[in-house]
Amino acid sequence: MANEQTTLQLAELHNELIAKFFHGLSNPARFKIALSLLQSEKNVSELMNELGMKQSQISNQLACLKWCGYVSTRQDGKFVYYRITDERVRTIIQLAREVVADNAEQINCCTRI
């Protein structure tokens, strides 16, 4: 019984972590940054120019993305460049785009999300 309960607790924790993973991309600013970084690595100034966002907002969202393992950095002189850490993020986003394309009307009308 105790072993079964532990297994259920681990499964629940695993499910919570997966939900948290998707939550990391649910913020529109983080999602835009991730999309941009899928094209190429960039520094904060480049992201500001491309996305029209404030430096503080980009830095804050990059800190979150870095902390959770979505992006990694490299230093080049005084600049820090950000890039997507795991290329599987590209696949996840592409799959999400396909699902959204197939269900756009229903998703748009959903009042529960």
N, C-alpha and C. Protein backbone atom coordinates (compact mmCIF):
# COMPACT_ATOMS: atom_id res chain seq x y z
N MET A 1 0.83 -1.20 0.00
CA MET A 1 0.00 0.00 0.00
C MET A 1 0.86 1.25 0.00
N ALA A 2 1.91 1.26 0.83
CA ALA A 2 2.79 2.43 0.90
C ALA A 2 3.52 2.63 -0.43
N ASN A 3 3.94 1.53 -1.06
CA ASN A 3 4.64 1.62 -2.34
C ASN A 3 3.71 2.17 -3.43
N GLU A 4 2.44 1.74 -3.41
CA GLU A 4 1.46 2.24 -4.38
C GLU A 4 1.20 3.73 -4.18
N GLN A 5 1.14 4.15 -2.93
CA GLN A 5 0.92 5.57 -2.61
C GLN A 5 2.11 6.41 -3.08
N THR A 6 3.32 5.91 -2.87
CA THR A 6 4.51 6.61 -3.32
C THR A 6 4.52 6.75 -4.83
N THR A 7 4.14 5.69 -5.53
CA THR A 7 4.08 5.71 -6.99
C THR A 7 3.07 6.75 -7.46
N LEU A 8 1.92 6.81 -6.81
CA LEU A 8 0.90 7.80 -7.17
C LEU A 8 1.40 9.22 -6.91
N GLN A 9 2.10 9.41 -5.80
CA GLN A 9 2.64 10.74 -5.47
C GLN A 9 3.69 11.16 -6.50
N LEU A 10 4.53 10.23 -6.91
CA LEU A 10 5.54 10.54 -7.93
C LEU A 10 4.88 10.86 -9.27
N ALA A 11 3.85 10.14 -9.63
CA ALA A 11 3.13 10.41 -10.88
C ALA A 11 2.48 11.80 -10.82
N GLU A 12 1.91 12.13 -9.69
CA GLU A 12 1.28 13.45 -9.53
C GLU A 12 2.32 14.56 -9.62
N LEU A 13 3.46 14.37 -8.99
CA LEU A 13 4.54 15.34 -9.07
C LEU A 13 5.03 15.50 -10.50
N HIS A 14 5.16 14.39 -11.20
CA HIS A 14 5.57 14.42 -12.60
C HIS A 14 4.58 15.21 -13.45
N ASN A 15 3.28 14.97 -13.23
CA ASN A 15 2.24 15.69 -13.96
C ASN A 15 2.29 17.19 -13.66
N GLU A 16 2.53 17.54 -12.41
CA GLU A 16 2.63 18.96 -12.03
C GLU A 16 3.83 19.62 -12.72
N LEU A 17 4.94 18.90 -12.82
CA LEU A 17 6.12 19.45 -13.49
C LEU A 17 5.87 19.67 -14.98
N ILE A 18 5.15 18.75 -15.61
CA ILE A 18 4.82 18.91 -17.02
C ILE A 18 3.91 20.12 -17.21
N ALA A 19 2.92 20.26 -16.35
CA ALA A 19 2.03 21.44 -16.43
C ALA A 19 2.83 22.72 -16.23
N LYS A 20 3.78 22.69 -15.32
CA LYS A 20 4.63 23.86 -15.07
C LYS A 20 5.49 24.17 -16.29
N PHE A 21 5.97 23.13 -16.96
CA PHE A 21 6.74 23.31 -18.19
C PHE A 21 5.92 24.11 -19.21
N PHE A 22 4.68 23.71 -19.43
CA PHE A 22 3.83 24.42 -20.38
C PHE A 22 3.49 25.82 -19.89
N HIS A 23 3.36 25.98 -18.60
CA HIS A 23 3.09 27.30 -18.03
C HIS A 23 4.24 28.26 -18.34
N GLY A 24 5.45 27.72 -18.42
CA GLY A 24 6.61 28.55 -18.74
C GLY A 24 6.50 29.21 -20.10
N LEU A 25 5.81 28.59 -21.02
CA LEU A 25 5.61 29.16 -22.35
C LEU A 25 4.26 29.84 -22.51
N SER A 26 3.43 29.83 -21.46
CA SER A 26 2.09 30.40 -21.58
C SER A 26 2.09 31.92 -21.48
N ASN A 27 3.14 32.50 -20.93
CA ASN A 27 3.23 33.96 -20.86
C ASN A 27 3.56 34.48 -22.26
N PRO A 28 2.76 35.41 -22.81
CA PRO A 28 3.00 35.88 -24.17
C PRO A 28 4.41 36.46 -24.39
N ALA A 29 4.94 37.17 -23.42
CA ALA A 29 6.29 37.74 -23.57
C ALA A 29 7.34 36.64 -23.63
N ARG A 30 7.24 35.66 -22.74
CA ARG A 30 8.19 34.54 -22.77
C ARG A 30 8.08 33.76 -24.08
N PHE A 31 6.85 33.58 -24.54
CA PHE A 31 6.65 32.84 -25.78
C PHE A 31 7.28 33.58 -26.96
N LYS A 32 7.09 34.89 -27.03
CA LYS A 32 7.70 35.68 -28.11
C LYS A 32 9.22 35.59 -28.06
N ILE A 33 9.76 35.66 -26.86
CA ILE A 33 11.22 35.56 -26.71
C ILE A 33 11.69 34.18 -27.17
N ALA A 34 10.99 33.14 -26.76
CA ALA A 34 11.37 31.78 -27.17
C ALA A 34 11.31 31.64 -28.69
N LEU A 35 10.26 32.16 -29.31
CA LEU A 35 10.16 32.10 -30.77
C LEU A 35 11.33 32.81 -31.43
N SER A 36 11.68 33.96 -30.91
CA SER A 36 12.80 34.71 -31.47
C SER A 36 14.11 33.94 -31.33
N LEU A 37 14.30 33.33 -30.17
CA LEU A 37 15.54 32.60 -29.93
C LEU A 37 15.61 31.29 -30.71
N LEU A 38 14.47 30.80 -31.17
CA LEU A 38 14.49 29.63 -32.03
C LEU A 38 15.08 29.98 -33.40
N GLN A 39 14.98 31.25 -33.79
CA GLN A 39 15.56 31.70 -35.06
C GLN A 39 17.07 31.80 -34.96
N SER A 40 17.55 32.39 -33.86
CA SER A 40 18.99 32.54 -33.65
C SER A 40 19.22 33.06 -32.23
N GLU A 41 20.46 32.88 -31.76
CA GLU A 41 20.77 33.42 -30.44
C GLU A 41 20.81 34.94 -30.52
N LYS A 42 20.46 35.59 -29.40
CA LYS A 42 20.39 37.04 -29.38
C LYS A 42 20.75 37.54 -27.99
N ASN A 43 21.15 38.82 -27.94
CA ASN A 43 21.35 39.46 -26.65
C ASN A 43 20.10 40.29 -26.33
N VAL A 44 20.07 40.87 -25.16
CA VAL A 44 18.89 41.61 -24.71
C VAL A 44 18.58 42.78 -25.65
N SER A 45 19.61 43.50 -26.09
CA SER A 45 19.39 44.65 -26.99
C SER A 45 18.73 44.20 -28.29
N GLU A 46 19.19 43.12 -28.84
CA GLU A 46 18.61 42.60 -30.07
C GLU A 46 17.15 42.20 -29.87
N LEU A 47 16.86 41.57 -28.74
CA LEU A 47 15.49 41.19 -28.43
C LEU A 47 14.61 42.42 -28.24
N MET A 48 15.14 43.46 -27.59
CA MET A 48 14.40 44.71 -27.41
C MET A 48 14.01 45.30 -28.76
N ASN A 49 14.98 45.39 -29.67
CA ASN A 49 14.73 45.97 -30.99
C ASN A 49 13.73 45.14 -31.78
N GLU A 50 13.86 43.84 -31.72
CA GLU A 50 12.99 42.96 -32.50
C GLU A 50 11.58 42.92 -31.96
N LEU A 51 11.45 42.84 -30.64
CA LEU A 51 10.14 42.61 -30.03
C LEU A 51 9.45 43.87 -29.53
N GLY A 52 10.19 44.98 -29.48
CA GLY A 52 9.60 46.22 -29.00
C GLY A 52 9.22 46.20 -27.53
N MET A 53 9.97 45.46 -26.76
CA MET A 53 9.71 45.34 -25.33
C MET A 53 10.80 46.09 -24.56
N LYS A 54 10.50 46.43 -23.33
CA LYS A 54 11.46 47.12 -22.47
C LYS A 54 12.53 46.15 -22.00
N GLN A 55 13.71 46.70 -21.73
CA GLN A 55 14.85 45.90 -21.26
C GLN A 55 14.50 45.14 -19.99
N SER A 56 13.84 45.79 -19.05
CA SER A 56 13.51 45.14 -17.78
C SER A 56 12.57 43.97 -17.99
N GLN A 57 11.62 44.12 -18.88
CA GLN A 57 10.67 43.04 -19.15
C GLN A 57 11.38 41.85 -19.79
N ILE A 58 12.23 42.12 -20.76
CA ILE A 58 12.95 41.03 -21.42
C ILE A 58 13.89 40.34 -20.45
N SER A 59 14.63 41.12 -19.67
CA SER A 59 15.56 40.52 -18.70
C SER A 59 14.83 39.67 -17.69
N ASN A 60 13.69 40.14 -17.22
CA ASN A 60 12.90 39.38 -16.25
C ASN A 60 12.42 38.06 -16.84
N GLN A 61 11.92 38.11 -18.07
CA GLN A 61 11.43 36.88 -18.70
C GLN A 61 12.57 35.94 -19.06
N LEU A 62 13.71 36.49 -19.47
CA LEU A 62 14.87 35.64 -19.75
C LEU A 62 15.36 34.95 -18.48
N ALA A 63 15.32 35.65 -17.35
CA ALA A 63 15.73 35.04 -16.09
C ALA A 63 14.86 33.83 -15.78
N CYS A 64 13.56 33.96 -16.01
CA CYS A 64 12.63 32.85 -15.79
C CYS A 64 12.94 31.70 -16.75
N LEU A 65 13.11 32.03 -18.03
CA LEU A 65 13.39 31.00 -19.03
C LEU A 65 14.71 30.29 -18.74
N LYS A 66 15.69 31.05 -18.27
CA LYS A 66 17.00 30.44 -17.94
C LYS A 66 16.88 29.56 -16.70
N TRP A 67 16.23 30.05 -15.68
CA TRP A 67 16.08 29.30 -14.44
C TRP A 67 15.42 27.95 -14.68
N CYS A 68 14.42 27.94 -15.57
CA CYS A 68 13.67 26.71 -15.84
C CYS A 68 14.29 25.84 -16.93
N GLY A 69 15.41 26.28 -17.50
CA GLY A 69 16.14 25.44 -18.44
C GLY A 69 15.75 25.59 -19.89
N TYR A 70 14.93 26.57 -20.23
CA TYR A 70 14.57 26.78 -21.63
C TYR A 70 15.71 27.40 -22.42
N VAL A 71 16.44 28.32 -21.80
CA VAL A 71 17.52 29.01 -22.50
C VAL A 71 18.82 28.87 -21.73
N SER A 72 19.91 29.00 -22.47
CA SER A 72 21.24 29.03 -21.87
C SER A 72 21.94 30.26 -22.44
N THR A 73 23.09 30.57 -21.88
CA THR A 73 23.78 31.79 -22.26
C THR A 73 25.23 31.51 -22.62
N ARG A 74 25.80 32.49 -23.33
CA ARG A 74 27.24 32.52 -23.55
C ARG A 74 27.65 33.99 -23.51
N GLN A 75 28.79 34.23 -22.96
CA GLN A 75 29.34 35.57 -22.84
C GLN A 75 30.26 35.83 -24.03
N ASP A 76 30.11 37.02 -24.64
CA ASP A 76 30.99 37.45 -25.71
C ASP A 76 31.34 38.91 -25.43
N GLY A 77 32.48 39.12 -24.80
CA GLY A 77 32.84 40.47 -24.37
C GLY A 77 31.87 40.95 -23.32
N LYS A 78 31.28 42.12 -23.55
CA LYS A 78 30.33 42.65 -22.57
C LYS A 78 28.90 42.17 -22.81
N PHE A 79 28.69 41.40 -23.87
CA PHE A 79 27.34 40.94 -24.21
C PHE A 79 27.11 39.51 -23.75
N VAL A 80 25.88 39.26 -23.33
CA VAL A 80 25.43 37.91 -22.99
C VAL A 80 24.42 37.52 -24.06
N TYR A 81 24.67 36.40 -24.71
CA TYR A 81 23.78 35.91 -25.75
C TYR A 81 22.96 34.74 -25.21
N TYR A 82 21.69 34.75 -25.56
CA TYR A 82 20.75 33.73 -25.13
C TYR A 82 20.38 32.85 -26.31
N ARG A 83 20.18 31.58 -26.03
CA ARG A 83 19.76 30.63 -27.06
C ARG A 83 18.88 29.56 -26.40
N ILE A 84 18.06 28.93 -27.21
CA ILE A 84 17.23 27.83 -26.71
C ILE A 84 18.16 26.68 -26.35
N THR A 85 18.00 26.14 -25.17
CA THR A 85 18.87 25.09 -24.66
C THR A 85 18.62 23.75 -25.34
N ASP A 86 17.35 23.44 -25.58
CA ASP A 86 16.97 22.12 -26.07
C ASP A 86 16.13 22.29 -27.33
N GLU A 87 16.60 21.76 -28.43
CA GLU A 87 15.90 21.90 -29.71
C GLU A 87 14.53 21.23 -29.71
N ARG A 88 14.25 20.38 -28.73
CA ARG A 88 12.92 19.76 -28.67
C ARG A 88 11.84 20.80 -28.41
N VAL A 89 12.24 21.96 -27.86
CA VAL A 89 11.27 23.05 -27.67
C VAL A 89 10.70 23.46 -29.03
N ARG A 90 11.53 23.48 -30.07
CA ARG A 90 11.07 23.80 -31.42
C ARG A 90 9.98 22.81 -31.85
N THR A 91 10.19 21.54 -31.59
CA THR A 91 9.21 20.51 -31.97
C THR A 91 7.92 20.69 -31.19
N ILE A 92 8.02 20.98 -29.92
CA ILE A 92 6.83 21.18 -29.10
C ILE A 92 6.01 22.36 -29.61
N ILE A 93 6.69 23.45 -29.95
CA ILE A 93 6.00 24.64 -30.46
C ILE A 93 5.36 24.33 -31.82
N GLN A 94 6.06 23.61 -32.67
CA GLN A 94 5.51 23.25 -33.98
C GLN A 94 4.27 22.37 -33.82
N LEU A 95 4.34 21.40 -32.92
CA LEU A 95 3.17 20.55 -32.67
C LEU A 95 2.00 21.38 -32.12
N ALA A 96 2.30 22.31 -31.23
CA ALA A 96 1.25 23.18 -30.68
C ALA A 96 0.61 24.00 -31.79
N ARG A 97 1.42 24.52 -32.70
CA ARG A 97 0.87 25.30 -33.82
C ARG A 97 -0.07 24.45 -34.67
N GLU A 98 0.29 23.20 -34.88
CA GLU A 98 -0.56 22.30 -35.68
C GLU A 98 -1.88 22.02 -34.98
N VAL A 99 -1.82 21.77 -33.67
CA VAL A 99 -3.05 21.53 -32.91
C VAL A 99 -3.94 22.77 -32.92
N VAL A 100 -3.31 23.94 -32.73
CA VAL A 100 -4.08 25.19 -32.75
C VAL A 100 -4.70 25.42 -34.12
N ALA A 101 -3.96 25.15 -35.18
CA ALA A 101 -4.51 25.33 -36.53
C ALA A 101 -5.75 24.45 -36.72
N ASP A 102 -5.71 23.26 -36.19
CA ASP A 102 -6.84 22.33 -36.34
C ASP A 102 -8.02 22.67 -35.42
N ASN A 103 -7.76 23.43 -34.36
CA ASN A 103 -8.79 23.69 -33.35
C ASN A 103 -8.92 25.16 -33.00
N ALA A 104 -8.53 26.04 -33.89
CA ALA A 104 -8.45 27.47 -33.59
C ALA A 104 -9.79 28.04 -33.12
N GLU A 105 -10.87 27.71 -33.80
CA GLU A 105 -12.17 28.27 -33.44
C GLU A 105 -12.59 27.86 -32.03
N GLN A 106 -12.42 26.57 -31.73
CA GLN A 106 -12.81 26.08 -30.40
C GLN A 106 -11.92 26.71 -29.32
N ILE A 107 -10.64 26.80 -29.57
CA ILE A 107 -9.73 27.38 -28.59
C ILE A 107 -10.07 28.84 -28.37
N ASN A 108 -10.33 29.55 -29.45
CA ASN A 108 -10.65 30.97 -29.35
C ASN A 108 -11.93 31.20 -28.56
N CYS A 109 -12.89 30.33 -28.69
CA CYS A 109 -14.18 30.48 -28.00
C CYS A 109 -14.17 29.93 -26.57
N CYS A 110 -13.14 29.22 -26.21
CA CYS A 110 -13.12 28.60 -24.88
C CYS A 110 -13.07 29.66 -23.79
N THR A 111 -13.99 29.57 -22.85
CA THR A 111 -14.03 30.53 -21.74
C THR A 111 -13.45 29.94 -20.45
N ARG A 112 -12.97 28.73 -20.51
CA ARG A 112 -12.47 28.07 -19.31
C ARG A 112 -10.95 28.15 -19.16
N ILE A 113 -10.27 28.61 -20.21
CA ILE A 113 -8.80 28.72 -20.14
C ILE A 113 -8.47 30.17 -19.88
